[in-house]
């Protein structure tokens, strides 16, 4: 039998209410992954969900439901404040197995995603994006991935990386914008690069890339798959 959970986060960003609401509802490829919201109550939401509240630019709620009381719900509330906008994010639902591990993993992922949301709004909002995510092959070794991006340096540090760019490899300066035992976030002039140590939560380590340079999706995915293989060699 499942057990309910609720993850609540709040924050303030120095951008307008409309920009924050749009980031949550139409700019998700720039910080999370591409999610479509049909802009009306009763409209379609990502992963087979339904929009249950559509009140732009203030509030949106989407919900998925399943058998025996299972559900997964996301609520975003955006309020204008002096100098920016305040958001309240609520993720609630039911975890069926390994409740504590799933809750811990979801909570830590939420913090990383919402940090990335801020990075997107401050540095890349409104720009076309290509999104790719690739799991690390073979035995999991997040320490090797961290080392490959200089991820042991303090948050805020600048590092030089050999990264796949449009089918080639190019040295690029990156800022370590997020530093955590299970996650590393890097920001270049053209991309947000996110490393996930999901082996700590029973999954596969991975890299997700939000590319704002117009790279072809297949090229982006192939390049990062090769990069992962090299980082683990």
Foldseek 3Di string as FASTA:
>chain_A
DWDKDKAKDKDWAQAALQLLQCCVAPVVVQQHNDWHFDQDAQTATPPRWGWNDHDPSAKTKIKDDDPPGWMWMWIWGWADDVRGIMIMIMIMTIDHPPVVLVVVVVNVVVVRRVLSSNVCSVQPGPFDKAKDKDFFDDDADVVLVCVQFVQVDDQQDKDWHFADDQQHTDIFIWGFNDHDPAKTWIDTNFKIKIWGNCVVSVDTTMIMMIGRPPHDNVSRHVRVNVVSVVSVD
